[in-house]
Structures are given as structure tokens and as C-alpha cells.
Amino acid sequence: DQAHCMFCAVAKFFRPGYNHNLIQNWLPALSGVV
């Protein structure tokens, strides 16, 4: 019921951080996950 464009805006806001950290830094920081 919130702003109609919010879902796209939230995805666009977080996407750069995921692009540059998830595979490169975050998953490797977990024990044995990679």
C-alpha cells in the first residue's frame, strides 16, 4: 500500500552495494560458504 514507485527505488538504491560487495567481500567473509 506504500508509494507505487518505492519497490523499484529501493531495488535501485541497494543494487550498487550488492554489485560491488556481495560476491567480492560478503560471501567470502562467511566460514566455508564460498
All heavy atoms as atom14 arrays in JSON, in Angstrom:
{
  "sequence": "DQAHCMFCAVAKFFRPGYNHNLIQNWLPALSGVV",
  "atom14_mask": [
    [1, 1, 1, 1, 1, 1, 1, 1, 0, 0, 0, 0, 0, 0],
    [1, 1, 1, 1, 1, 1, 1, 1, 1, 0, 0, 0, 0, 0],
    [1, 1, 1, 1, 1, 0, 0, 0, 0, 0, 0, 0, 0, 0],
    [1, 1, 1, 1, 1, 1, 1, 1, 1, 1, 0, 0, 0, 0],
    [1, 1, 1, 1, 1, 1, 0, 0, 0, 0, 0, 0, 0, 0],
    [1, 1, 1, 1, 1, 1, 1, 1, 0, 0, 0, 0, 0, 0],
    [1, 1, 1, 1, 1, 1, 1, 1, 1, 1, 1, 0, 0, 0],
    [1, 1, 1, 1, 1, 1, 0, 0, 0, 0, 0, 0, 0, 0],
    [1, 1, 1, 1, 1, 0, 0, 0, 0, 0, 0, 0, 0, 0],
    [1, 1, 1, 1, 1, 1, 1, 0, 0, 0, 0, 0, 0, 0],
    [1, 1, 1, 1, 1, 0, 0, 0, 0, 0, 0, 0, 0, 0],
    [1, 1, 1, 1, 1, 1, 1, 1, 1, 0, 0, 0, 0, 0],
    [1, 1, 1, 1, 1, 1, 1, 1, 1, 1, 1, 0, 0, 0],
    [1, 1, 1, 1, 1, 1, 1, 1, 1, 1, 1, 0, 0, 0],
    [1, 1, 1, 1, 1, 1, 1, 1, 1, 1, 1, 0, 0, 0],
    [1, 1, 1, 1, 1, 1, 1, 0, 0, 0, 0, 0, 0, 0],
    [1, 1, 1, 1, 0, 0, 0, 0, 0, 0, 0, 0, 0, 0],
    [1, 1, 1, 1, 1, 1, 1, 1, 1, 1, 1, 1, 0, 0],
    [1, 1, 1, 1, 1, 1, 1, 1, 0, 0, 0, 0, 0, 0],
    [1, 1, 1, 1, 1, 1, 1, 1, 1, 1, 0, 0, 0, 0],
    [1, 1, 1, 1, 1, 1, 1, 1, 0, 0, 0, 0, 0, 0],
    [1, 1, 1, 1, 1, 1, 1, 1, 0, 0, 0, 0, 0, 0],
    [1, 1, 1, 1, 1, 1, 1, 1, 0, 0, 0, 0, 0, 0],
    [1, 1, 1, 1, 1, 1, 1, 1, 1, 0, 0, 0, 0, 0],
    [1, 1, 1, 1, 1, 1, 1, 1, 0, 0, 0, 0, 0, 0],
    [1, 1, 1, 1, 1, 1, 1, 1, 1, 1, 1, 1, 1, 1],
    [1, 1, 1, 1, 1, 1, 1, 1, 0, 0, 0, 0, 0, 0],
    [1, 1, 1, 1, 1, 1, 1, 0, 0, 0, 0, 0, 0, 0],
    [1, 1, 1, 1, 1, 0, 0, 0, 0, 0, 0, 0, 0, 0],
    [1, 1, 1, 1, 1, 1, 1, 1, 0, 0, 0, 0, 0, 0],
    [1, 1, 1, 1, 1, 1, 0, 0, 0, 0, 0, 0, 0, 0],
    [1, 1, 1, 1, 0, 0, 0, 0, 0, 0, 0, 0, 0, 0],
    [1, 1, 1, 1, 1, 1, 1, 0, 0, 0, 0, 0, 0, 0],
    [1, 1, 1, 1, 1, 1, 1, 0, 0, 0, 0, 0, 0, 0]
  ],
  "atom14_positions": [
    [[0.81, -1.21, 0.0], [0.0, 0.0, 0.0], [0.85, 1.27, 0.0], [0.3, 2.38, 0.03], [-0.92, 0.02, 1.23], [-1.97, -1.07, 1.18], [-2.3, -1.52, 0.07], [-2.44, -1.47, 2.26], [0.0, 0.0, 0.0], [0.0, 0.0, 0.0], [0.0, 0.0, 0.0], [0.0, 0.0, 0.0], [0.0, 0.0, 0.0], [0.0, 0.0, 0.0]],
    [[2.16, 1.11, -0.02], [3.03, 2.27, 0.01], [3.22, 2.84, -1.4], [2.58, 2.4, -2.35], [4.35, 1.92, 0.68], [4.15, 1.46, 2.13], [5.42, 1.46, 2.95], [6.39, 2.12, 2.63], [5.41, 0.72, 4.05], [0.0, 0.0, 0.0], [0.0, 0.0, 0.0], [0.0, 0.0, 0.0], [0.0, 0.0, 0.0], [0.0, 0.0, 0.0]],
    [[4.08, 3.82, -1.52], [4.27, 4.52, -2.79], [4.47, 3.54, -3.94], [5.23, 2.58, -3.83], [5.47, 5.47, -2.68], [0.0, 0.0, 0.0], [0.0, 0.0, 0.0], [0.0, 0.0, 0.0], [0.0, 0.0, 0.0], [0.0, 0.0, 0.0], [0.0, 0.0, 0.0], [0.0, 0.0, 0.0], [0.0, 0.0, 0.0], [0.0, 0.0, 0.0]],
    [[3.8, 3.81, -5.06], [3.79, 2.85, -6.16], [5.18, 2.64, -6.76], [5.47, 1.57, -7.3], [2.82, 3.31, -7.24], [3.28, 4.48, -8.03], [3.2, 5.78, -7.56], [3.85, 4.55, -9.26], [3.7, 6.6, -8.48], [4.09, 5.9, -9.51], [0.0, 0.0, 0.0], [0.0, 0.0, 0.0], [0.0, 0.0, 0.0], [0.0, 0.0, 0.0]],
    [[6.06, 3.64, -6.66], [7.38, 3.53, -7.27], [8.44, 3.08, -6.27], [9.62, 2.97, -6.62], [7.8, 4.87, -7.88], [7.9, 6.21, -6.69], [0.0, 0.0, 0.0], [0.0, 0.0, 0.0], [0.0, 0.0, 0.0], [0.0, 0.0, 0.0], [0.0, 0.0, 0.0], [0.0, 0.0, 0.0], [0.0, 0.0, 0.0], [0.0, 0.0, 0.0]],
    [[8.04, 2.8, -5.03], [9.01, 2.54, -3.97], [9.8, 1.26, -4.22], [11.01, 1.2, -3.97], [8.31, 2.45, -2.62], [9.28, 2.27, -1.46], [8.42, 2.1, 0.1], [7.64, 0.51, -0.12], [0.0, 0.0, 0.0], [0.0, 0.0, 0.0], [0.0, 0.0, 0.0], [0.0, 0.0, 0.0], [0.0, 0.0, 0.0], [0.0, 0.0, 0.0]],
    [[9.15, 0.23, -4.73], [9.81, -1.06, -4.89], [10.98, -0.95, -5.86], [12.06, -1.5, -5.61], [8.8, -2.1, -5.37], [7.47, -2.0, -4.66], [6.34, -1.55, -5.31], [7.38, -2.3, -3.31], [5.13, -1.42, -4.65], [6.18, -2.18, -2.64], [5.05, -1.73, -3.3], [0.0, 0.0, 0.0], [0.0, 0.0, 0.0], [0.0, 0.0, 0.0]],
    [[10.78, -0.22, -6.96], [11.88, 0.0, -7.91], [12.97, 0.87, -7.3], [14.16, 0.63, -7.51], [11.35, 0.64, -9.19], [10.24, -0.41, -10.14], [0.0, 0.0, 0.0], [0.0, 0.0, 0.0], [0.0, 0.0, 0.0], [0.0, 0.0, 0.0], [0.0, 0.0, 0.0], [0.0, 0.0, 0.0], [0.0, 0.0, 0.0], [0.0, 0.0, 0.0]],
    [[12.56, 1.9, -6.55], [13.53, 2.82, -5.96], [14.4, 2.11, -4.93], [15.62, 2.32, -4.88], [12.81, 4.0, -5.31], [0.0, 0.0, 0.0], [0.0, 0.0, 0.0], [0.0, 0.0, 0.0], [0.0, 0.0, 0.0], [0.0, 0.0, 0.0], [0.0, 0.0, 0.0], [0.0, 0.0, 0.0], [0.0, 0.0, 0.0], [0.0, 0.0, 0.0]],
    [[13.79, 1.26, -4.1], [14.55, 0.51, -3.09], [15.55, -0.41, -3.77], [16.72, -0.5, -3.37], [13.59, -0.28, -2.18], [14.37, -1.28, -1.32], [12.8, 0.66, -1.28], [0.0, 0.0, 0.0], [0.0, 0.0, 0.0], [0.0, 0.0, 0.0], [0.0, 0.0, 0.0], [0.0, 0.0, 0.0], [0.0, 0.0, 0.0], [0.0, 0.0, 0.0]],
    [[15.09, -1.11, -4.81], [15.99, -2.02, -5.54], [17.15, -1.25, -6.16], [18.31, -1.7, -6.1], [15.21, -2.76, -6.62], [0.0, 0.0, 0.0], [0.0, 0.0, 0.0], [0.0, 0.0, 0.0], [0.0, 0.0, 0.0], [0.0, 0.0, 0.0], [0.0, 0.0, 0.0], [0.0, 0.0, 0.0], [0.0, 0.0, 0.0], [0.0, 0.0, 0.0]],
    [[16.86, -0.09, -6.73], [17.91, 0.7, -7.37], [18.9, 1.27, -6.35], [20.1, 1.37, -6.61], [17.28, 1.85, -8.17], [18.27, 2.65, -8.99], [17.58, 3.77, -9.78], [16.77, 3.25, -10.92], [16.27, 4.33, -11.79], [0.0, 0.0, 0.0], [0.0, 0.0, 0.0], [0.0, 0.0, 0.0], [0.0, 0.0, 0.0], [0.0, 0.0, 0.0]],
    [[18.4, 1.59, -5.16], [19.26, 2.16, -4.12], [20.27, 1.14, -3.61], [21.45, 1.44, -3.42], [18.4, 2.67, -2.96], [19.2, 3.21, -1.81], [19.87, 4.42, -1.91], [19.3, 2.51, -0.61], [20.62, 4.93, -0.85], [20.05, 3.0, 0.44], [20.7, 4.22, 0.32], [0.0, 0.0, 0.0], [0.0, 0.0, 0.0], [0.0, 0.0, 0.0]],
    [[19.81, -0.1, -3.36], [20.7, -1.11, -2.77], [21.55, -1.84, -3.8], [22.59, -2.42, -3.44], [19.88, -2.13, -1.97], [19.37, -1.61, -0.66], [18.01, -1.5, -0.42], [20.25, -1.21, 0.32], [17.53, -1.03, 0.8], [19.79, -0.72, 1.54], [18.42, -0.63, 1.78], [0.0, 0.0, 0.0], [0.0, 0.0, 0.0], [0.0, 0.0, 0.0]],
    [[21.15, -1.82, -5.07], [21.84, -2.62, -6.09], [23.34, -2.32, -6.19], [24.15, -3.26, -6.27], [21.16, -2.4, -7.44], [21.79, -3.17, -8.6], [20.95, -3.01, -9.86], [21.64, -3.52, -11.03], [22.41, -2.78, -11.81], [22.59, -1.49, -11.54], [23.02, -3.31, -12.85], [0.0, 0.0, 0.0], [0.0, 0.0, 0.0], [0.0, 0.0, 0.0]],
    [[23.8, -1.05, -6.19], [25.25, -0.81, -6.3], [26.05, -1.46, -5.18], [27.13, -2.01, -5.43], [25.36, 0.73, -6.24], [24.04, 1.22, -6.75], [23.05, 0.23, -6.23], [0.0, 0.0, 0.0], [0.0, 0.0, 0.0], [0.0, 0.0, 0.0], [0.0, 0.0, 0.0], [0.0, 0.0, 0.0], [0.0, 0.0, 0.0], [0.0, 0.0, 0.0]],
    [[25.54, -1.42, -3.96], [26.25, -2.04, -2.85], [26.35, -3.54, -3.01], [27.39, -4.14, -2.72], [0.0, 0.0, 0.0], [0.0, 0.0, 0.0], [0.0, 0.0, 0.0], [0.0, 0.0, 0.0], [0.0, 0.0, 0.0], [0.0, 0.0, 0.0], [0.0, 0.0, 0.0], [0.0, 0.0, 0.0], [0.0, 0.0, 0.0], [0.0, 0.0, 0.0]],
    [[25.27, -4.16, -3.47], [25.31, -5.6, -3.71], [26.27, -5.93, -4.84], [27.05, -6.89, -4.76], [23.91, -6.13, -4.05], [22.86, -5.9, -2.99], [21.51, -5.96, -3.3], [23.22, -5.62, -1.67], [20.54, -5.76, -2.33], [22.25, -5.42, -0.7], [20.91, -5.48, -1.03], [19.95, -5.27, -0.07], [0.0, 0.0, 0.0], [0.0, 0.0, 0.0]],
    [[26.23, -5.15, -5.91], [27.1, -5.4, -7.07], [28.58, -5.41, -6.69], [29.36, -6.19, -7.23], [26.87, -4.34, -8.15], [25.66, -4.64, -9.01], [25.06, -5.7, -8.91], [25.28, -3.7, -9.85], [0.0, 0.0, 0.0], [0.0, 0.0, 0.0], [0.0, 0.0, 0.0], [0.0, 0.0, 0.0], [0.0, 0.0, 0.0], [0.0, 0.0, 0.0]],
    [[28.96, -4.53, -5.79], [30.38, -4.33, -5.5], [30.85, -5.02, -4.22], [32.04, -4.91, -3.88], [30.69, -2.84, -5.44], [30.62, -2.16, -6.77], [31.71, -2.05, -7.61], [29.57, -1.6, -7.43], [31.34, -1.44, -8.73], [30.06, -1.15, -8.64], [0.0, 0.0, 0.0], [0.0, 0.0, 0.0], [0.0, 0.0, 0.0], [0.0, 0.0, 0.0]],
    [[29.94, -5.7, -3.52], [30.35, -6.31, -2.25], [29.93, -7.76, -2.07], [30.66, -8.53, -1.44], [29.78, -5.5, -1.08], [30.42, -4.14, -0.94], [31.56, -4.03, -0.53], [29.67, -3.1, -1.28], [0.0, 0.0, 0.0], [0.0, 0.0, 0.0], [0.0, 0.0, 0.0], [0.0, 0.0, 0.0], [0.0, 0.0, 0.0], [0.0, 0.0, 0.0]],
    [[28.78, -8.14, -2.6], [28.23, -9.45, -2.28], [29.17, -10.59, -2.65], [29.52, -11.42, -1.8], [26.87, -9.61, -2.98], [26.19, -10.97, -2.86], [26.09, -11.42, -1.42], [24.81, -10.93, -3.52], [0.0, 0.0, 0.0], [0.0, 0.0, 0.0], [0.0, 0.0, 0.0], [0.0, 0.0, 0.0], [0.0, 0.0, 0.0], [0.0, 0.0, 0.0]],
    [[29.56, -10.66, -3.91], [30.42, -11.75, -4.36], [31.87, -11.52, -3.94], [32.58, -12.45, -3.55], [30.34, -11.9, -5.9], [28.87, -12.03, -6.35], [31.15, -13.08, -6.37], [28.13, -13.19, -5.72], [0.0, 0.0, 0.0], [0.0, 0.0, 0.0], [0.0, 0.0, 0.0], [0.0, 0.0, 0.0], [0.0, 0.0, 0.0], [0.0, 0.0, 0.0]],
    [[32.29, -10.26, -4.0], [33.7, -9.93, -3.77], [34.09, -10.0, -2.29], [35.22, -10.4, -1.96], [33.99, -8.52, -4.3], [33.67, -8.33, -5.78], [32.25, -7.85, -6.01], [31.33, -8.23, -5.29], [32.07, -7.0, -7.01], [0.0, 0.0, 0.0], [0.0, 0.0, 0.0], [0.0, 0.0, 0.0], [0.0, 0.0, 0.0], [0.0, 0.0, 0.0]],
    [[33.19, -9.58, -1.38], [33.58, -9.41, 0.02], [32.67, -10.14, 1.01], [33.17, -10.75, 1.96], [33.6, -7.92, 0.38], [34.53, -7.12, -0.51], [35.69, -7.49, -0.67], [34.05, -6.03, -1.08], [0.0, 0.0, 0.0], [0.0, 0.0, 0.0], [0.0, 0.0, 0.0], [0.0, 0.0, 0.0], [0.0, 0.0, 0.0], [0.0, 0.0, 0.0]],
    [[31.36, -10.05, 0.83], [30.46, -10.55, 1.87], [30.45, -12.08, 1.95], [30.63, -12.62, 3.04], [29.04, -10.02, 1.63], [28.93, -8.54, 1.78], [29.88, -7.69, 2.3], [27.82, -7.72, 1.43], [29.41, -6.39, 2.29], [28.15, -6.38, 1.76], [26.57, -7.98, 0.87], [27.28, -5.32, 1.53], [25.69, -6.93, 0.65], [26.04, -5.61, 0.98]],
    [[30.22, -12.73, 0.84], [30.21, -14.2, 0.88], [31.57, -14.78, 1.3], [31.61, -15.73, 2.1], [29.77, -14.77, -0.47], [28.28, -14.57, -0.8], [27.99, -14.99, -2.24], [27.39, -15.34, 0.17], [0.0, 0.0, 0.0], [0.0, 0.0, 0.0], [0.0, 0.0, 0.0], [0.0, 0.0, 0.0], [0.0, 0.0, 0.0], [0.0, 0.0, 0.0]],
    [[32.7, -14.25, 0.8], [33.99, -14.78, 1.26], [34.25, -14.57, 2.76], [35.08, -15.27, 3.34], [35.01, -13.98, 0.43], [34.26, -13.61, -0.81], [32.86, -13.33, -0.34], [0.0, 0.0, 0.0], [0.0, 0.0, 0.0], [0.0, 0.0, 0.0], [0.0, 0.0, 0.0], [0.0, 0.0, 0.0], [0.0, 0.0, 0.0], [0.0, 0.0, 0.0]],
    [[33.55, -13.64, 3.39], [33.74, -13.41, 4.83], [33.03, -14.46, 5.67], [33.27, -14.53, 6.88], [33.22, -12.02, 5.2], [0.0, 0.0, 0.0], [0.0, 0.0, 0.0], [0.0, 0.0, 0.0], [0.0, 0.0, 0.0], [0.0, 0.0, 0.0], [0.0, 0.0, 0.0], [0.0, 0.0, 0.0], [0.0, 0.0, 0.0], [0.0, 0.0, 0.0]],
    [[32.18, -15.27, 5.06], [31.47, -16.32, 5.78], [32.3, -17.6, 5.8], [33.0, -17.91, 4.83], [30.12, -16.59, 5.12], [29.19, -15.38, 4.93], [27.93, -15.8, 4.2], [28.84, -14.75, 6.28], [0.0, 0.0, 0.0], [0.0, 0.0, 0.0], [0.0, 0.0, 0.0], [0.0, 0.0, 0.0], [0.0, 0.0, 0.0], [0.0, 0.0, 0.0]],
    [[32.21, -18.35, 6.86], [33.04, -19.55, 7.04], [32.59, -20.68, 6.11], [31.5, -21.24, 6.29], [32.98, -20.03, 8.49], [33.41, -19.01, 9.37], [0.0, 0.0, 0.0], [0.0, 0.0, 0.0], [0.0, 0.0, 0.0], [0.0, 0.0, 0.0], [0.0, 0.0, 0.0], [0.0, 0.0, 0.0], [0.0, 0.0, 0.0], [0.0, 0.0, 0.0]],
    [[33.43, -21.01, 5.13], [33.2, -22.17, 4.27], [32.08, -22.07, 3.28], [31.78, -23.05, 2.57], [0.0, 0.0, 0.0], [0.0, 0.0, 0.0], [0.0, 0.0, 0.0], [0.0, 0.0, 0.0], [0.0, 0.0, 0.0], [0.0, 0.0, 0.0], [0.0, 0.0, 0.0], [0.0, 0.0, 0.0], [0.0, 0.0, 0.0], [0.0, 0.0, 0.0]],
    [[31.45, -20.92, 3.14], [30.27, -20.8, 2.29], [30.63, -20.78, 0.81], [29.99, -21.44, -0.02], [29.45, -19.55, 2.67], [28.41, -19.21, 1.6], [28.77, -19.76, 4.01], [0.0, 0.0, 0.0], [0.0, 0.0, 0.0], [0.0, 0.0, 0.0], [0.0, 0.0, 0.0], [0.0, 0.0, 0.0], [0.0, 0.0, 0.0], [0.0, 0.0, 0.0]],
    [[31.66, -20.03, 0.44], [32.05, -19.96, -0.97], [32.41, -21.34, -1.5], [32.04, -21.7, -2.63], [33.21, -18.96, -1.16], [33.81, -19.09, -2.56], [32.73, -17.53, -0.94], [0.0, 0.0, 0.0], [0.0, 0.0, 0.0], [0.0, 0.0, 0.0], [0.0, 0.0, 0.0], [0.0, 0.0, 0.0], [0.0, 0.0, 0.0], [0.0, 0.0, 0.0]]
  ]
}
